[in-house]
Amino acid sequence: MRFGMLPRTVSRILTGHRMPRLWDLGPMTGQLLRASKRTTICYERDPPGELVHMDVKKLGRIPDGGGWRVHGRAAMQAVKGLCG
């Protein structure tokens, strides 16, 4: 509290003036080294459903009767040896 204000207050004032954070500045020059990680691109579409996002999860091949948690890792290695 060198200036009589809390650090959070100073941070909010600097953010309000769009000042970059210290870790975004070069230590020697004070120049901006990298852009902010916040993106300014906003994907908005007029009709609902025009832009759809889908997450996909790929599952491994689990043999009939269960995998290594049921039969143990050694049994699964033996099966791989027979198949491959």
PDB file of N, CA and C in Angstrom:
ATOM      1  N   MET A   1       0.824  -1.190   0.000  1.00  0.00           N
ATOM      2  CA  MET A   1       0.000   0.000   0.000  1.00  0.00           C
ATOM      3  C   MET A   1       0.864   1.249   0.000  1.00  0.00           C
ATOM      4  N   ARG A   2       1.782   1.316  -0.925  1.00  0.00           N
ATOM      5  CA  ARG A   2       2.652   2.496  -1.028  1.00  0.00           C
ATOM      6  C   ARG A   2       1.866   3.755  -1.368  1.00  0.00           C
ATOM      7  N   PHE A   3       0.826   3.612  -2.182  1.00  0.00           N
ATOM      8  CA  PHE A   3       0.099   4.781  -2.675  1.00  0.00           C
ATOM      9  C   PHE A   3      -1.200   5.025  -1.925  1.00  0.00           C
ATOM     10  N   GLY A   4      -1.433   4.258  -0.858  1.00  0.00           N
ATOM     11  CA  GLY A   4      -2.656   4.446  -0.093  1.00  0.00           C
ATOM     12  C   GLY A   4      -3.858   3.744  -0.698  1.00  0.00           C
ATOM     13  N   MET A   5      -3.617   2.878  -1.729  1.00  0.00           N
ATOM     14  CA  MET A   5      -4.701   2.115  -2.357  1.00  0.00           C
ATOM     15  C   MET A   5      -4.346   0.637  -2.315  1.00  0.00           C
ATOM     16  N   LEU A   6      -5.364  -0.170  -2.268  1.00  0.00           N
ATOM     17  CA  LEU A   6      -5.147  -1.609  -2.322  1.00  0.00           C
ATOM     18  C   LEU A   6      -4.669  -2.015  -3.717  1.00  0.00           C
ATOM     19  N   PRO A   7      -3.829  -3.061  -3.814  1.00  0.00           N
ATOM     20  CA  PRO A   7      -3.351  -3.504  -5.128  1.00  0.00           C
ATOM     21  C   PRO A   7      -4.492  -3.853  -6.095  1.00  0.00           C
ATOM     22  N   ARG A   8      -5.580  -4.419  -5.572  1.00  0.00           N
ATOM     23  CA  ARG A   8      -6.702  -4.783  -6.433  1.00  0.00           C
ATOM     24  C   ARG A   8      -7.335  -3.538  -7.046  1.00  0.00           C
ATOM     25  N   THR A   9      -7.390  -2.454  -6.288  1.00  0.00           N
ATOM     26  CA  THR A   9      -7.945  -1.195  -6.810  1.00  0.00           C
ATOM     27  C   THR A   9      -7.071  -0.660  -7.934  1.00  0.00           C
ATOM     28  N   VAL A  10      -5.770  -0.705  -7.734  1.00  0.00           N
ATOM     29  CA  VAL A  10      -4.834  -0.241  -8.772  1.00  0.00           C
ATOM     30  C   VAL A  10      -4.984  -1.114 -10.025  1.00  0.00           C
ATOM     31  N   SER A  11      -5.112  -2.424  -9.821  1.00  0.00           N
ATOM     32  CA  SER A  11      -5.270  -3.351 -10.938  1.00  0.00           C
ATOM     33  C   SER A  11      -6.526  -3.025 -11.745  1.00  0.00           C
ATOM     34  N   ARG A  12      -7.617  -2.746 -11.055  1.00  0.00           N
ATOM     35  CA  ARG A  12      -8.865  -2.420 -11.759  1.00  0.00           C
ATOM     36  C   ARG A  12      -8.759  -1.102 -12.516  1.00  0.00           C
ATOM     37  N   ILE A  13      -8.067  -0.135 -11.944  1.00  0.00           N
ATOM     38  CA  ILE A  13      -7.889   1.150 -12.631  1.00  0.00           C
ATOM     39  C   ILE A  13      -7.067   0.952 -13.898  1.00  0.00           C
ATOM     40  N   LEU A  14      -5.960   0.205 -13.789  1.00  0.00           N
ATOM     41  CA  LEU A  14      -5.112  -0.038 -14.964  1.00  0.00           C
ATOM     42  C   LEU A  14      -5.852  -0.846 -16.027  1.00  0.00           C
ATOM     43  N   THR A  15      -6.639  -1.828 -15.597  1.00  0.00           N
ATOM     44  CA  THR A  15      -7.424  -2.615 -16.547  1.00  0.00           C
ATOM     45  C   THR A  15      -8.455  -1.733 -17.237  1.00  0.00           C
ATOM     46  N   GLY A  16      -9.048  -0.822 -16.510  1.00  0.00           N
ATOM     47  CA  GLY A  16     -10.022   0.102 -17.087  1.00  0.00           C
ATOM     48  C   GLY A  16      -9.414   0.996 -18.154  1.00  0.00           C
ATOM     49  N   HIS A  17      -8.129   1.305 -18.012  1.00  0.00           N
ATOM     50  CA  HIS A  17      -7.418   2.115 -19.006  1.00  0.00           C
ATOM     51  C   HIS A  17      -6.735   1.252 -20.063  1.00  0.00           C
ATOM     52  N   ARG A  18      -7.040  -0.052 -20.059  1.00  0.00           N
ATOM     53  CA  ARG A  18      -6.501  -1.025 -21.027  1.00  0.00           C
ATOM     54  C   ARG A  18      -4.978  -1.085 -21.027  1.00  0.00           C
ATOM     55  N   MET A  19      -4.400  -1.003 -19.847  1.00  0.00           N
ATOM     56  CA  MET A  19      -2.955  -1.129 -19.706  1.00  0.00           C
ATOM     57  C   MET A  19      -2.587  -2.611 -19.665  1.00  0.00           C
ATOM     58  N   PRO A  20      -1.522  -3.029 -20.349  1.00  0.00           N
ATOM     59  CA  PRO A  20      -1.142  -4.444 -20.318  1.00  0.00           C
ATOM     60  C   PRO A  20      -0.571  -4.839 -18.962  1.00  0.00           C
ATOM     61  N   ARG A  21      -0.629  -6.121 -18.662  1.00  0.00           N
ATOM     62  CA  ARG A  21      -0.064  -6.624 -17.411  1.00  0.00           C
ATOM     63  C   ARG A  21       1.458  -6.685 -17.522  1.00  0.00           C
ATOM     64  N   LEU A  22       2.136  -6.705 -16.391  1.00  0.00           N
ATOM     65  CA  LEU A  22       3.597  -6.680 -16.404  1.00  0.00           C
ATOM     66  C   LEU A  22       4.198  -7.875 -17.128  1.00  0.00           C
ATOM     67  N   TRP A  23       3.586  -9.070 -16.991  1.00  0.00           N
ATOM     68  CA  TRP A  23       4.196 -10.240 -17.625  1.00  0.00           C
ATOM     69  C   TRP A  23       4.027 -10.226 -19.147  1.00  0.00           C
ATOM     70  N   ASP A  24       3.218  -9.303 -19.676  1.00  0.00           N
ATOM     71  CA  ASP A  24       3.087  -9.158 -21.123  1.00  0.00           C
ATOM     72  C   ASP A  24       4.105  -8.166 -21.685  1.00  0.00           C
ATOM     73  N   LEU A  25       4.883  -7.531 -20.817  1.00  0.00           N
ATOM     74  CA  LEU A  25       5.854  -6.525 -21.244  1.00  0.00           C
ATOM     75  C   LEU A  25       7.271  -7.066 -21.150  1.00  0.00           C
ATOM     76  N   GLY A  26       8.142  -6.597 -22.051  1.00  0.00           N
ATOM     77  CA  GLY A  26       9.545  -6.982 -22.017  1.00  0.00           C
ATOM     78  C   GLY A  26      10.234  -6.347 -20.823  1.00  0.00           C
ATOM     79  N   PRO A  27      11.103  -7.086 -20.115  1.00  0.00           N
ATOM     80  CA  PRO A  27      11.739  -6.534 -18.926  1.00  0.00           C
ATOM     81  C   PRO A  27      12.712  -5.401 -19.234  1.00  0.00           C
ATOM     82  N   MET A  28      13.323  -5.414 -20.392  1.00  0.00           N
ATOM     83  CA  MET A  28      14.313  -4.389 -20.727  1.00  0.00           C
ATOM     84  C   MET A  28      13.684  -3.172 -21.400  1.00  0.00           C
ATOM     85  N   THR A  29      12.750  -3.409 -22.322  1.00  0.00           N
ATOM     86  CA  THR A  29      12.211  -2.311 -23.115  1.00  0.00           C
ATOM     87  C   THR A  29      10.865  -1.805 -22.625  1.00  0.00           C
ATOM     88  N   GLY A  30      10.096  -2.662 -21.956  1.00  0.00           N
ATOM     89  CA  GLY A  30       8.747  -2.282 -21.552  1.00  0.00           C
ATOM     90  C   GLY A  30       7.754  -2.357 -22.690  1.00  0.00           C
ATOM     91  N   GLN A  31       8.200  -2.873 -23.835  1.00  0.00           N
ATOM     92  CA  GLN A  31       7.322  -3.015 -25.001  1.00  0.00           C
ATOM     93  C   GLN A  31       6.447  -4.257 -24.843  1.00  0.00           C
ATOM     94  N   LEU A  32       5.284  -4.226 -25.463  1.00  0.00           N
ATOM     95  CA  LEU A  32       4.369  -5.362 -25.426  1.00  0.00           C
ATOM     96  C   LEU A  32       4.972  -6.521 -26.209  1.00  0.00           C
ATOM     97  N   LEU A  33       5.158  -7.669 -25.545  1.00  0.00           N
ATOM     98  CA  LEU A  33       5.775  -8.826 -26.180  1.00  0.00           C
ATOM     99  C   LEU A  33       4.761  -9.715 -26.880  1.00  0.00           C
ATOM    100  N   ARG A  34       3.608  -9.892 -26.277  1.00  0.00           N
ATOM    101  CA  ARG A  34       2.615 -10.785 -26.852  1.00  0.00           C
ATOM    102  C   ARG A  34       1.235 -10.180 -26.632  1.00  0.00           C
ATOM    103  N   ALA A  35       0.344 -10.600 -27.476  1.00  0.00           N
ATOM    104  CA  ALA A  35      -1.025 -10.108 -27.360  1.00  0.00           C
ATOM    105  C   ALA A  35      -1.715 -10.796 -26.192  1.00  0.00           C
ATOM    106  N   SER A  36      -2.785 -10.245 -25.776  1.00  0.00           N
ATOM    107  CA  SER A  36      -3.560 -10.822 -24.689  1.00  0.00           C
ATOM    108  C   SER A  36      -4.117 -12.173 -25.106  1.00  0.00           C
ATOM    109  N   LYS A  37      -4.271 -13.069 -24.134  1.00  0.00           N
ATOM    110  CA  LYS A  37      -4.812 -14.388 -24.440  1.00  0.00           C
ATOM    111  C   LYS A  37      -6.314 -14.336 -24.678  1.00  0.00           C
ATOM    112  N   ARG A  38      -6.922 -13.266 -24.282  1.00  0.00           N
ATOM    113  CA  ARG A  38      -8.358 -13.125 -24.517  1.00  0.00           C
ATOM    114  C   ARG A  38      -8.596 -12.840 -25.984  1.00  0.00           C
ATOM    115  N   THR A  39      -9.490 -13.583 -26.567  1.00  0.00           N
ATOM    116  CA  THR A  39      -9.779 -13.398 -27.987  1.00  0.00           C
ATOM    117  C   THR A  39     -10.872 -12.348 -28.156  1.00  0.00           C
ATOM    118  N   THR A  40     -10.787 -11.597 -29.212  1.00  0.00           N
ATOM    119  CA  THR A  40     -11.815 -10.606 -29.502  1.00  0.00           C
ATOM    120  C   THR A  40     -12.800 -11.135 -30.530  1.00  0.00           C
ATOM    121  N   ILE A  41     -12.557 -12.341 -31.057  1.00  0.00           N
ATOM    122  CA  ILE A  41     -13.446 -12.922 -32.043  1.00  0.00           C
ATOM    123  C   ILE A  41     -14.632 -13.552 -31.313  1.00  0.00           C
ATOM    124  N   CYS A  42     -15.807 -13.152 -31.685  1.00  0.00           N
ATOM    125  CA  CYS A  42     -17.018 -13.693 -31.072  1.00  0.00           C
ATOM    126  C   CYS A  42     -17.852 -14.324 -32.189  1.00  0.00           C
ATOM    127  N   TYR A  43     -18.170 -15.586 -32.036  1.00  0.00           N
ATOM    128  CA  TYR A  43     -18.944 -16.283 -33.048  1.00  0.00           C
ATOM    129  C   TYR A  43     -20.424 -16.175 -32.710  1.00  0.00           C
ATOM    130  N   GLU A  44     -21.084 -15.226 -33.317  1.00  0.00           N
ATOM    131  CA  GLU A  44     -22.514 -15.046 -33.121  1.00  0.00           C
ATOM    132  C   GLU A  44     -23.199 -15.205 -34.465  1.00  0.00           C
ATOM    133  N   ARG A  45     -24.295 -15.919 -34.461  1.00  0.00           N
ATOM    134  CA  ARG A  45     -25.055 -16.152 -35.687  1.00  0.00           C
ATOM    135  C   ARG A  45     -26.489 -15.707 -35.462  1.00  0.00           C
ATOM    136  N   ASP A  46     -27.134 -15.231 -36.543  1.00  0.00           N
ATOM    137  CA  ASP A  46     -28.508 -14.750 -36.428  1.00  0.00           C
ATOM    138  C   ASP A  46     -29.511 -15.879 -36.192  1.00  0.00           C
ATOM    139  N   PRO A  47     -29.628 -16.848 -37.112  1.00  0.00           N
ATOM    140  CA  PRO A  47     -30.615 -17.909 -36.850  1.00  0.00           C
ATOM    141  C   PRO A  47     -30.071 -18.935 -35.854  1.00  0.00           C
ATOM    142  N   PRO A  48     -30.893 -19.371 -34.908  1.00  0.00           N
ATOM    143  CA  PRO A  48     -30.436 -20.380 -33.948  1.00  0.00           C
ATOM    144  C   PRO A  48     -30.050 -21.676 -34.649  1.00  0.00           C
ATOM    145  N   GLY A  49     -28.964 -22.282 -34.224  1.00  0.00           N
ATOM    146  CA  GLY A  49     -28.527 -23.554 -34.788  1.00  0.00           C
ATOM    147  C   GLY A  49     -27.668 -23.439 -36.025  1.00  0.00           C
ATOM    148  N   GLU A  50     -27.353 -22.212 -36.467  1.00  0.00           N
ATOM    149  CA  GLU A  50     -26.525 -22.060 -37.663  1.00  0.00           C
ATOM    150  C   GLU A  50     -25.090 -22.520 -37.389  1.00  0.00           C
ATOM    151  N   LEU A  51     -24.612 -22.261 -36.186  1.00  0.00           N
ATOM    152  CA  LEU A  51     -23.272 -22.662 -35.797  1.00  0.00           C
ATOM    153  C   LEU A  51     -23.398 -23.686 -34.681  1.00  0.00           C
ATOM    154  N   VAL A  52     -22.971 -24.919 -34.961  1.00  0.00           N
ATOM    155  CA  VAL A  52     -23.106 -26.002 -33.995  1.00  0.00           C
ATOM    156  C   VAL A  52     -21.720 -26.492 -33.615  1.00  0.00           C
ATOM    157  N   HIS A  53     -21.495 -26.741 -32.327  1.00  0.00           N
ATOM    158  CA  HIS A  53     -20.224 -27.265 -31.829  1.00  0.00           C
ATOM    159  C   HIS A  53     -20.482 -28.648 -31.249  1.00  0.00           C
ATOM    160  N   MET A  54     -19.611 -29.603 -31.589  1.00  0.00           N
ATOM    161  CA  MET A  54     -19.792 -30.955 -31.092  1.00  0.00           C
ATOM    162  C   MET A  54     -18.452 -31.489 -30.581  1.00  0.00           C
ATOM    163  N   ASP A  55     -18.459 -32.023 -29.373  1.00  0.00           N
ATOM    164  CA  ASP A  55     -17.285 -32.682 -28.816  1.00  0.00           C
ATOM    165  C   ASP A  55     -17.388 -34.172 -29.088  1.00  0.00           C
ATOM    166  N   VAL A  56     -16.261 -34.791 -29.463  1.00  0.00           N
ATOM    167  CA  VAL A  56     -16.247 -36.215 -29.785  1.00  0.00           C
ATOM    168  C   VAL A  56     -15.257 -36.906 -28.871  1.00  0.00           C
ATOM    169  N   LYS A  57     -15.657 -38.018 -28.301  1.00  0.00           N
ATOM    170  CA  LYS A  57     -14.789 -38.812 -27.436  1.00  0.00           C
ATOM    171  C   LYS A  57     -14.579 -40.156 -28.102  1.00  0.00           C
ATOM    172  N   LYS A  58     -13.331 -40.498 -28.356  1.00  0.00           N
ATOM    173  CA  LYS A  58     -13.013 -41.787 -28.957  1.00  0.00           C
ATOM    174  C   LYS A  58     -12.753 -42.789 -27.847  1.00  0.00           C
ATOM    175  N   LEU A  59     -13.390 -43.918 -27.931  1.00  0.00           N
ATOM    176  CA  LEU A  59     -13.223 -44.956 -26.926  1.00  0.00           C
ATOM    177  C   LEU A  59     -12.310 -46.051 -27.471  1.00  0.00           C
ATOM    178  N   GLY A  60     -11.539 -46.660 -26.585  1.00  0.00           N
ATOM    179  CA  GLY A  60     -10.673 -47.758 -26.996  1.00  0.00           C
ATOM    180  C   GLY A  60     -11.465 -49.037 -27.219  1.00  0.00           C
ATOM    181  N   ARG A  61     -10.820 -50.007 -27.824  1.00  0.00           N
ATOM    182  CA  ARG A  61     -11.467 -51.298 -28.060  1.00  0.00           C
ATOM    183  C   ARG A  61     -11.407 -52.131 -26.787  1.00  0.00           C
ATOM    184  N   ILE A  62     -12.549 -52.428 -26.220  1.00  0.00           N
ATOM    185  CA  ILE A  62     -12.627 -53.252 -25.017  1.00  0.00           C
ATOM    186  C   ILE A  62     -13.167 -54.608 -25.449  1.00  0.00           C
ATOM    187  N   PRO A  63     -12.423 -55.675 -25.236  1.00  0.00           N
ATOM    188  CA  PRO A  63     -12.888 -56.987 -25.678  1.00  0.00           C
ATOM    189  C   PRO A  63     -14.108 -57.459 -24.892  1.00  0.00           C
ATOM    190  N   ASP A  64     -14.862 -58.383 -25.475  1.00  0.00           N
ATOM    191  CA  ASP A  64     -16.012 -58.970 -24.783  1.00  0.00           C
ATOM    192  C   ASP A  64     -15.535 -59.623 -23.498  1.00  0.00           C
ATOM    193  N   GLY A  65     -16.249 -59.430 -22.444  1.00  0.00           N
ATOM    194  CA  GLY A  65     -15.875 -60.019 -21.164  1.00  0.00           C
ATOM    195  C   GLY A  65     -15.046 -59.095 -20.295  1.00  0.00           C
ATOM    196  N   GLY A  66     -14.689 -57.926 -20.796  1.00  0.00           N
ATOM    197  CA  GLY A  66     -13.942 -56.958 -19.991  1.00  0.00           C
ATOM    198  C   GLY A  66     -12.505 -56.818 -20.426  1.00  0.00           C
ATOM    199  N   GLY A  67     -11.863 -55.819 -19.896  1.00  0.00           N
ATOM    200  CA  GLY A  67     -10.484 -55.524 -20.266  1.00  0.00           C
ATOM    201  C   GLY A  67      -9.512 -55.882 -19.164  1.00  0.00           C
ATOM    202  N   TRP A  68      -8.424 -55.129 -19.069  1.00  0.00           N
ATOM    203  CA  TRP A  68      -7.346 -55.459 -18.142  1.00  0.00           C
ATOM    204  C   TRP A  68      -7.760 -55.310 -16.691  1.00  0.00           C
ATOM    205  N   ARG A  69      -8.743 -54.478 -16.388  1.00  0.00           N
ATOM    206  CA  ARG A  69      -9.151 -54.337 -14.982  1.00  0.00           C
ATOM    207  C   ARG A  69      -9.825 -55.603 -14.471  1.00  0.00           C
ATOM    208  N   VAL A  70     -10.437 -56.348 -15.354  1.00  0.00           N
ATOM    209  CA  VAL A  70     -11.097 -57.595 -14.960  1.00  0.00           C
ATOM    210  C   VAL A  70     -10.096 -58.751 -14.973  1.00  0.00           C
ATOM    211  N   HIS A  71      -9.286 -58.846 -16.040  1.00  0.00           N
ATOM    212  CA  HIS A  71      -8.426 -60.007 -16.253  1.00  0.00           C
ATOM    213  C   HIS A  71      -6.966 -59.777 -15.896  1.00  0.00           C
ATOM    214  N   GLY A  72      -6.570 -58.528 -15.649  1.00  0.00           N
ATOM    215  CA  GLY A  72      -5.181 -58.218 -15.340  1.00  0.00           C
ATOM    216  C   GLY A  72      -4.419 -57.816 -16.583  1.00  0.00           C
ATOM    217  N   ARG A  73      -3.360 -57.052 -16.393  1.00  0.00           N
ATOM    218  CA  ARG A  73      -2.576 -56.557 -17.534  1.00  0.00           C
ATOM    219  C   ARG A  73      -1.838 -57.685 -18.258  1.00  0.00           C
ATOM    220  N   ALA A  74      -1.357 -58.664 -17.522  1.00  0.00           N
ATOM    221  CA  ALA A  74      -0.622 -59.767 -18.154  1.00  0.00           C
ATOM    222  C   ALA A  74      -1.518 -60.510 -19.145  1.00  0.00           C
ATOM    223  N   ALA A  75      -2.773 -60.739 -18.781  1.00  0.00           N
ATOM    224  CA  ALA A  75      -3.704 -61.428 -19.687  1.00  0.00           C
ATOM    225  C   ALA A  75      -3.940 -60.611 -20.944  1.00  0.00           C
ATOM    226  N   MET A  76      -4.020 -59.282 -20.815  1.00  0.00           N
ATOM    227  CA  MET A  76      -4.241 -58.431 -21.979  1.00  0.00           C
ATOM    228  C   MET A  76      -3.022 -58.419 -22.892  1.00  0.00           C
ATOM    229  N   GLN A  77      -1.828 -58.471 -22.336  1.00  0.00           N
ATOM    230  CA  GLN A  77      -0.618 -58.538 -23.150  1.00  0.00           C
ATOM    231  C   GLN A  77      -0.585 -59.841 -23.932  1.00  0.00           C
ATOM    232  N   ALA A  78      -1.044 -60.930 -23.315  1.00  0.00           N
ATOM    233  CA  ALA A  78      -1.092 -62.222 -24.004  1.00  0.00           C
ATOM    234  C   ALA A  78      -2.076 -62.176 -25.154  1.00  0.00           C
ATOM    235  N   VAL A  79      -3.216 -61.505 -24.975  1.00  0.00           N
ATOM    236  CA  VAL A  79      -4.210 -61.390 -26.036  1.00  0.00           C
ATOM    237  C   VAL A  79      -3.649 -60.563 -27.192  1.00  0.00           C
ATOM    238  N   LYS A  80      -2.934 -59.480 -26.871  1.00  0.00           N
ATOM    239  CA  LYS A  80      -2.330 -58.643 -27.917  1.00  0.00           C
ATOM    240  C   LYS A  80      -1.294 -59.441 -28.698  1.00  0.00           C
ATOM    241  N   GLY A  81      -0.550 -60.279 -27.997  1.00  0.00           N
ATOM    242  CA  GLY A  81       0.460 -61.101 -28.658  1.00  0.00           C
ATOM    243  C   GLY A  81      -0.164 -62.079 -29.640  1.00  0.00           C
ATOM    244  N   LEU A  82      -1.345 -62.604 -29.333  1.00  0.00           N
ATOM    245  CA  LEU A  82      -2.034 -63.537 -30.224  1.00  0.00           C
ATOM    246  C   LEU A  82      -2.640 -62.841 -31.418  1.00  0.00           C
ATOM    247  N   CYS A  83      -3.114 -61.602 -31.212  1.00  0.00           N
ATOM    248  CA  CYS A  83      -3.821 -60.889 -32.262  1.00  0.00           C
ATOM    249  C   CYS A  83      -2.879 -60.114 -33.189  1.00  0.00           C
ATOM    250  N   GLY A  84      -1.756 -59.730 -32.700  1.00  0.00           N
ATOM    251  CA  GLY A  84      -1.011 -58.779 -33.499  1.00  0.00           C
ATOM    252  C   GLY A  84       0.321 -59.192 -33.849  1.00  0.00           C
TER     253      GLY A  84
END
